[in-house]
């Protein structure tokens, strides 16, 4: 699955984040580095969320 990301040039390089995944952000000195970094962050984020969801008991609130 692909997720859209936002990219912004900063004084230090590039900031990148995924608006649909809270807290999922990264940076890089170049645009390419920032985009490669966010791919790794998204993958780790999704793995972590899958782990959390598989370990817990599902309850209705």
Foldseek 3Di string as FASTA:
>chain_A
DDFDKDWDQDPQAIKIAGPVQPPQIDGDNYPVVRVVVSVVSVVVSVVVVVVVVVPDDDDDD
